[in-house]
Amino acid sequence: MHLKGTGIFVTEDELKTVQTAQSCSGMCLSGGNPMGDPGYEVYLLTKKYNPPQGAGLNQKTGEFMLP
């Protein structure tokens, strides 16, 4: 499947936040508190950037992509 770019990019810092959340996802702090929620981080970015419905974030480029 070839994805189509939307031309909507997040900042480098925002992309690093998503990448960090992805790398920590599934890990737990002491006491069982979960770390990293990349889905929530991307959700916050969709609220900020308002990409087209169905767009996802490319975690390598920081661009919202459509199927």
PDB file of N, CA and C in Angstrom:
ATOM      1  N   MET A   1       0.847  -1.175   0.000  1.00  0.00           N
ATOM      2  CA  MET A   1       0.000   0.000   0.000  1.00  0.00           C
ATOM      3  C   MET A   1       0.894   1.239   0.000  1.00  0.00           C
ATOM      4  N   HIS A   2       0.577   2.191  -0.837  1.00  0.00           N
ATOM      5  CA  HIS A   2       1.320   3.443  -0.907  1.00  0.00           C
ATOM      6  C   HIS A   2       0.552   4.519  -0.146  1.00  0.00           C
ATOM      7  N   LEU A   3       1.237   5.184   0.767  1.00  0.00           N
ATOM      8  CA  LEU A   3       0.598   6.235   1.548  1.00  0.00           C
ATOM      9  C   LEU A   3       0.797   7.585   0.878  1.00  0.00           C
ATOM     10  N   LYS A   4      -0.168   8.449   1.060  1.00  0.00           N
ATOM     11  CA  LYS A   4      -0.134   9.784   0.465  1.00  0.00           C
ATOM     12  C   LYS A   4       0.145  10.812   1.560  1.00  0.00           C
ATOM     13  N   GLY A   5       1.145  11.653   1.353  1.00  0.00           N
ATOM     14  CA  GLY A   5       1.475  12.696   2.316  1.00  0.00           C
ATOM     15  C   GLY A   5       0.439  13.809   2.313  1.00  0.00           C
ATOM     16  N   THR A   6       0.221  14.394   3.475  1.00  0.00           N
ATOM     17  CA  THR A   6      -0.736  15.495   3.594  1.00  0.00           C
ATOM     18  C   THR A   6      -0.048  16.854   3.556  1.00  0.00           C
ATOM     19  N   GLY A   7       1.274  16.861   3.738  1.00  0.00           N
ATOM     20  CA  GLY A   7       1.995  18.127   3.818  1.00  0.00           C
ATOM     21  C   GLY A   7       1.916  18.766   5.193  1.00  0.00           C
ATOM     22  N   ILE A   8       1.320  18.058   6.150  1.00  0.00           N
ATOM     23  CA  ILE A   8       1.196  18.558   7.526  1.00  0.00           C
ATOM     24  C   ILE A   8       2.255  17.848   8.369  1.00  0.00           C
ATOM     25  N   PHE A   9       3.207  18.608   8.892  1.00  0.00           N
ATOM     26  CA  PHE A   9       4.306  18.065   9.681  1.00  0.00           C
ATOM     27  C   PHE A   9       4.236  18.583  11.118  1.00  0.00           C
ATOM     28  N   VAL A  10       4.590  17.716  12.068  1.00  0.00           N
ATOM     29  CA  VAL A  10       4.716  18.127  13.461  1.00  0.00           C
ATOM     30  C   VAL A  10       6.139  18.650  13.659  1.00  0.00           C
ATOM     31  N   THR A  11       6.381  19.330  14.768  1.00  0.00           N
ATOM     32  CA  THR A  11       7.726  19.842  15.040  1.00  0.00           C
ATOM     33  C   THR A  11       8.643  18.686  15.425  1.00  0.00           C
ATOM     34  N   GLU A  12       9.941  18.950  15.368  1.00  0.00           N
ATOM     35  CA  GLU A  12      10.927  17.933  15.736  1.00  0.00           C
ATOM     36  C   GLU A  12      10.749  17.492  17.191  1.00  0.00           C
ATOM     37  N   ASP A  13      10.476  18.441  18.080  1.00  0.00           N
ATOM     38  CA  ASP A  13      10.267  18.103  19.490  1.00  0.00           C
ATOM     39  C   ASP A  13       9.019  17.248  19.686  1.00  0.00           C
ATOM     40  N   GLU A  14       7.953  17.569  18.965  1.00  0.00           N
ATOM     41  CA  GLU A  14       6.719  16.776  19.066  1.00  0.00           C
ATOM     42  C   GLU A  14       6.955  15.365  18.547  1.00  0.00           C
ATOM     43  N   LEU A  15       7.705  15.239  17.460  1.00  0.00           N
ATOM     44  CA  LEU A  15       8.008  13.928  16.906  1.00  0.00           C
ATOM     45  C   LEU A  15       8.843  13.113  17.894  1.00  0.00           C
ATOM     46  N   LYS A  16       9.812  13.744  18.539  1.00  0.00           N
ATOM     47  CA  LYS A  16      10.637  13.049  19.534  1.00  0.00           C
ATOM     48  C   LYS A  16       9.790  12.566  20.707  1.00  0.00           C
ATOM     49  N   THR A  17       8.784  13.353  21.102  1.00  0.00           N
ATOM     50  CA  THR A  17       7.890  12.942  22.189  1.00  0.00           C
ATOM     51  C   THR A  17       7.136  11.670  21.804  1.00  0.00           C
ATOM     52  N   VAL A  18       6.627  11.620  20.572  1.00  0.00           N
ATOM     53  CA  VAL A  18       5.906  10.427  20.108  1.00  0.00           C
ATOM     54  C   VAL A  18       6.854   9.238  20.027  1.00  0.00           C
ATOM     55  N   GLN A  19       8.055   9.446  19.504  1.00  0.00           N
ATOM     56  CA  GLN A  19       9.024   8.356  19.376  1.00  0.00           C
ATOM     57  C   GLN A  19       9.435   7.813  20.744  1.00  0.00           C
ATOM     58  N   THR A  20       9.618   8.700  21.712  1.00  0.00           N
ATOM     59  CA  THR A  20       9.963   8.273  23.067  1.00  0.00           C
ATOM     60  C   THR A  20       8.817   7.482  23.687  1.00  0.00           C
ATOM     61  N   ALA A  21       7.595   7.963  23.516  1.00  0.00           N
ATOM     62  CA  ALA A  21       6.430   7.244  24.046  1.00  0.00           C
ATOM     63  C   ALA A  21       6.329   5.861  23.405  1.00  0.00           C
ATOM     64  N   GLN A  22       6.634   5.767  22.109  1.00  0.00           N
ATOM     65  CA  GLN A  22       6.586   4.474  21.414  1.00  0.00           C
ATOM     66  C   GLN A  22       7.649   3.528  21.963  1.00  0.00           C
ATOM     67  N   SER A  23       8.837   4.035  22.208  1.00  0.00           N
ATOM     68  CA  SER A  23       9.919   3.171  22.684  1.00  0.00           C
ATOM     69  C   SER A  23       9.691   2.703  24.121  1.00  0.00           C
ATOM     70  N   CYS A  24       8.928   3.459  24.895  1.00  0.00           N
ATOM     71  CA  CYS A  24       8.648   3.091  26.293  1.00  0.00           C
ATOM     72  C   CYS A  24       7.320   2.363  26.450  1.00  0.00           C
ATOM     73  N   SER A  25       6.537   2.293  25.410  1.00  0.00           N
ATOM     74  CA  SER A  25       5.218   1.670  25.486  1.00  0.00           C
ATOM     75  C   SER A  25       5.343   0.224  25.942  1.00  0.00           C
ATOM     76  N   GLY A  26       4.530  -0.136  26.888  1.00  0.00           N
ATOM     77  CA  GLY A  26       4.556  -1.500  27.415  1.00  0.00           C
ATOM     78  C   GLY A  26       5.446  -1.656  28.631  1.00  0.00           C
ATOM     79  N   MET A  27       6.278  -0.681  28.914  1.00  0.00           N
ATOM     80  CA  MET A  27       7.119  -0.720  30.104  1.00  0.00           C
ATOM     81  C   MET A  27       6.322  -0.162  31.282  1.00  0.00           C
ATOM     82  N   CYS A  28       6.687  -0.585  32.458  1.00  0.00           N
ATOM     83  CA  CYS A  28       6.002  -0.095  33.656  1.00  0.00           C
ATOM     84  C   CYS A  28       7.013   0.433  34.661  1.00  0.00           C
ATOM     85  N   LEU A  29       6.630   1.498  35.336  1.00  0.00           N
ATOM     86  CA  LEU A  29       7.415   2.020  36.446  1.00  0.00           C
ATOM     87  C   LEU A  29       7.136   1.158  37.667  1.00  0.00           C
ATOM     88  N   SER A  30       7.919   1.352  38.722  1.00  0.00           N
ATOM     89  CA  SER A  30       7.654   0.602  39.948  1.00  0.00           C
ATOM     90  C   SER A  30       6.237   0.889  40.414  1.00  0.00           C
ATOM     91  N   GLY A  31       5.575  -0.096  40.913  1.00  0.00           N
ATOM     92  CA  GLY A  31       4.188   0.054  41.323  1.00  0.00           C
ATOM     93  C   GLY A  31       3.218  -0.273  40.210  1.00  0.00           C
ATOM     94  N   GLY A  32       3.740  -0.623  39.022  1.00  0.00           N
ATOM     95  CA  GLY A  32       2.885  -1.025  37.913  1.00  0.00           C
ATOM     96  C   GLY A  32       2.327   0.102  37.082  1.00  0.00           C
ATOM     97  N   ASN A  33       2.825   1.332  37.275  1.00  0.00           N
ATOM     98  CA  ASN A  33       2.336   2.462  36.486  1.00  0.00           C
ATOM     99  C   ASN A  33       2.894   2.379  35.065  1.00  0.00           C
ATOM    100  N   PRO A  34       2.026   2.358  34.053  1.00  0.00           N
ATOM    101  CA  PRO A  34       2.507   2.229  32.674  1.00  0.00           C
ATOM    102  C   PRO A  34       3.232   3.484  32.188  1.00  0.00           C
ATOM    103  N   MET A  35       4.193   3.269  31.301  1.00  0.00           N
ATOM    104  CA  MET A  35       4.945   4.371  30.683  1.00  0.00           C
ATOM    105  C   MET A  35       4.586   4.442  29.204  1.00  0.00           C
ATOM    106  N   GLY A  36       4.644   5.614  28.638  1.00  0.00           N
ATOM    107  CA  GLY A  36       4.530   5.785  27.202  1.00  0.00           C
ATOM    108  C   GLY A  36       3.189   5.404  26.619  1.00  0.00           C
ATOM    109  N   ASP A  37       2.485   6.354  26.075  1.00  0.00           N
ATOM    110  CA  ASP A  37       1.215   6.111  25.385  1.00  0.00           C
ATOM    111  C   ASP A  37       1.274   6.855  24.051  1.00  0.00           C
ATOM    112  N   PRO A  38       1.896   6.217  23.025  1.00  0.00           N
ATOM    113  CA  PRO A  38       2.048   6.909  21.748  1.00  0.00           C
ATOM    114  C   PRO A  38       0.713   7.252  21.097  1.00  0.00           C
ATOM    115  N   GLY A  39      -0.301   6.434  21.299  1.00  0.00           N
ATOM    116  CA  GLY A  39      -1.617   6.723  20.741  1.00  0.00           C
ATOM    117  C   GLY A  39      -2.181   8.023  21.278  1.00  0.00           C
ATOM    118  N   TYR A  40      -2.001   8.253  22.562  1.00  0.00           N
ATOM    119  CA  TYR A  40      -2.492   9.490  23.166  1.00  0.00           C
ATOM    120  C   TYR A  40      -1.699  10.689  22.668  1.00  0.00           C
ATOM    121  N   GLU A  41      -0.382  10.527  22.535  1.00  0.00           N
ATOM    122  CA  GLU A  41       0.450  11.624  22.037  1.00  0.00           C
ATOM    123  C   GLU A  41       0.033  12.025  20.619  1.00  0.00           C
ATOM    124  N   VAL A  42      -0.229  11.034  19.759  1.00  0.00           N
ATOM    125  CA  VAL A  42      -0.669  11.327  18.390  1.00  0.00           C
ATOM    126  C   VAL A  42      -2.065  11.954  18.417  1.00  0.00           C
ATOM    127  N   TYR A  43      -2.921  11.472  19.313  1.00  0.00           N
ATOM    128  CA  TYR A  43      -4.255  12.061  19.473  1.00  0.00           C
ATOM    129  C   TYR A  43      -4.149  13.559  19.768  1.00  0.00           C
ATOM    130  N   LEU A  44      -3.258  13.928  20.690  1.00  0.00           N
ATOM    131  CA  LEU A  44      -3.076  15.340  21.024  1.00  0.00           C
ATOM    132  C   LEU A  44      -2.602  16.135  19.809  1.00  0.00           C
ATOM    133  N   LEU A  45      -1.730  15.532  19.006  1.00  0.00           N
ATOM    134  CA  LEU A  45      -1.224  16.221  17.821  1.00  0.00           C
ATOM    135  C   LEU A  45      -2.315  16.372  16.752  1.00  0.00           C
ATOM    136  N   THR A  46      -3.216  15.394  16.664  1.00  0.00           N
ATOM    137  CA  THR A  46      -4.313  15.536  15.695  1.00  0.00           C
ATOM    138  C   THR A  46      -5.248  16.661  16.115  1.00  0.00           C
ATOM    139  N   LYS A  47      -5.416  16.859  17.407  1.00  0.00           N
ATOM    140  CA  LYS A  47      -6.233  17.974  17.888  1.00  0.00           C
ATOM    141  C   LYS A  47      -5.572  19.313  17.543  1.00  0.00           C
ATOM    142  N   LYS A  48      -4.250  19.360  17.600  1.00  0.00           N
ATOM    143  CA  LYS A  48      -3.524  20.592  17.330  1.00  0.00           C
ATOM    144  C   LYS A  48      -3.458  20.901  15.827  1.00  0.00           C
ATOM    145  N   TYR A  49      -3.155  19.878  15.005  1.00  0.00           N
ATOM    146  CA  TYR A  49      -2.905  20.097  13.576  1.00  0.00           C
ATOM    147  C   TYR A  49      -4.110  19.834  12.680  1.00  0.00           C
ATOM    148  N   ASN A  50      -5.116  19.150  13.216  1.00  0.00           N
ATOM    149  CA  ASN A  50      -6.353  18.879  12.479  1.00  0.00           C
ATOM    150  C   ASN A  50      -6.102  18.287  11.072  1.00  0.00           C
ATOM    151  N   PRO A  51      -5.409  17.141  10.999  1.00  0.00           N
ATOM    152  CA  PRO A  51      -5.185  16.522   9.689  1.00  0.00           C
ATOM    153  C   PRO A  51      -6.487  15.929   9.157  1.00  0.00           C
ATOM    154  N   PRO A  52      -6.534  15.547   7.883  1.00  0.00           N
ATOM    155  CA  PRO A  52      -7.744  14.940   7.330  1.00  0.00           C
ATOM    156  C   PRO A  52      -8.131  13.663   8.085  1.00  0.00           C
ATOM    157  N   GLN A  53      -9.420  13.372   8.088  1.00  0.00           N
ATOM    158  CA  GLN A  53      -9.941  12.163   8.735  1.00  0.00           C
ATOM    159  C   GLN A  53      -9.206  10.932   8.202  1.00  0.00           C
ATOM    160  N   GLY A  54      -8.779  10.063   9.083  1.00  0.00           N
ATOM    161  CA  GLY A  54      -8.122   8.819   8.688  1.00  0.00           C
ATOM    162  C   GLY A  54      -6.616   8.925   8.539  1.00  0.00           C
ATOM    163  N   ALA A  55      -6.050  10.113   8.767  1.00  0.00           N
ATOM    164  CA  ALA A  55      -4.604  10.287   8.646  1.00  0.00           C
ATOM    165  C   ALA A  55      -3.893   9.706   9.862  1.00  0.00           C
ATOM    166  N   GLY A  56      -2.701   9.187   9.630  1.00  0.00           N
ATOM    167  CA  GLY A  56      -1.848   8.678  10.691  1.00  0.00           C
ATOM    168  C   GLY A  56      -0.516   9.398  10.639  1.00  0.00           C
ATOM    169  N   LEU A  57       0.243   9.319  11.711  1.00  0.00           N
ATOM    170  CA  LEU A  57       1.519  10.021  11.783  1.00  0.00           C
ATOM    171  C   LEU A  57       2.656   9.093  11.398  1.00  0.00           C
ATOM    172  N   ASN A  58       3.466   9.508  10.431  1.00  0.00           N
ATOM    173  CA  ASN A  58       4.677   8.782  10.068  1.00  0.00           C
ATOM    174  C   ASN A  58       5.717   9.128  11.122  1.00  0.00           C
ATOM    175  N   GLN A  59       6.142   8.133  11.912  1.00  0.00           N
ATOM    176  CA  GLN A  59       7.054   8.395  13.021  1.00  0.00           C
ATOM    177  C   GLN A  59       8.496   8.584  12.578  1.00  0.00           C
ATOM    178  N   LYS A  60       8.767   8.428  11.298  1.00  0.00           N
ATOM    179  CA  LYS A  60      10.118   8.704  10.800  1.00  0.00           C
ATOM    180  C   LYS A  60      10.237  10.131  10.281  1.00  0.00           C
ATOM    181  N   THR A  61       9.189  10.625   9.600  1.00  0.00           N
ATOM    182  CA  THR A  61       9.252  11.951   8.986  1.00  0.00           C
ATOM    183  C   THR A  61       8.478  13.007   9.748  1.00  0.00           C
ATOM    184  N   GLY A  62       7.522  12.608  10.580  1.00  0.00           N
ATOM    185  CA  GLY A  62       6.695  13.564  11.297  1.00  0.00           C
ATOM    186  C   GLY A  62       5.555  14.126  10.464  1.00  0.00           C
ATOM    187  N   GLU A  63       5.280  13.500   9.328  1.00  0.00           N
ATOM    188  CA  GLU A  63       4.189  13.955   8.455  1.00  0.00           C
ATOM    189  C   GLU A  63       2.947  13.097   8.661  1.00  0.00           C
ATOM    190  N   PHE A  64       1.796  13.734   8.663  1.00  0.00           N
ATOM    191  CA  PHE A  64       0.540  12.983   8.682  1.00  0.00           C
ATOM    192  C   PHE A  64       0.329  12.405   7.294  1.00  0.00           C
ATOM    193  N   MET A  65      -0.033  11.118   7.241  1.00  0.00           N
ATOM    194  CA  MET A  65      -0.177  10.394   5.981  1.00  0.00           C
ATOM    195  C   MET A  65      -1.592   9.828   5.860  1.00  0.00           C
ATOM    196  N   LEU A  66      -2.058   9.695   4.605  1.00  0.00           N
ATOM    197  CA  LEU A  66      -3.359   9.093   4.309  1.00  0.00           C
ATOM    198  C   LEU A  66      -3.149   7.798   3.539  1.00  0.00           C
ATOM    199  N   PRO A  67      -4.038   6.813   3.763  1.00  0.00           N
ATOM    200  CA  PRO A  67      -3.930   5.554   2.996  1.00  0.00           C
ATOM    201  C   PRO A  67      -4.251   5.760   1.528  1.00  0.00           C
TER     202      PRO A  67
END
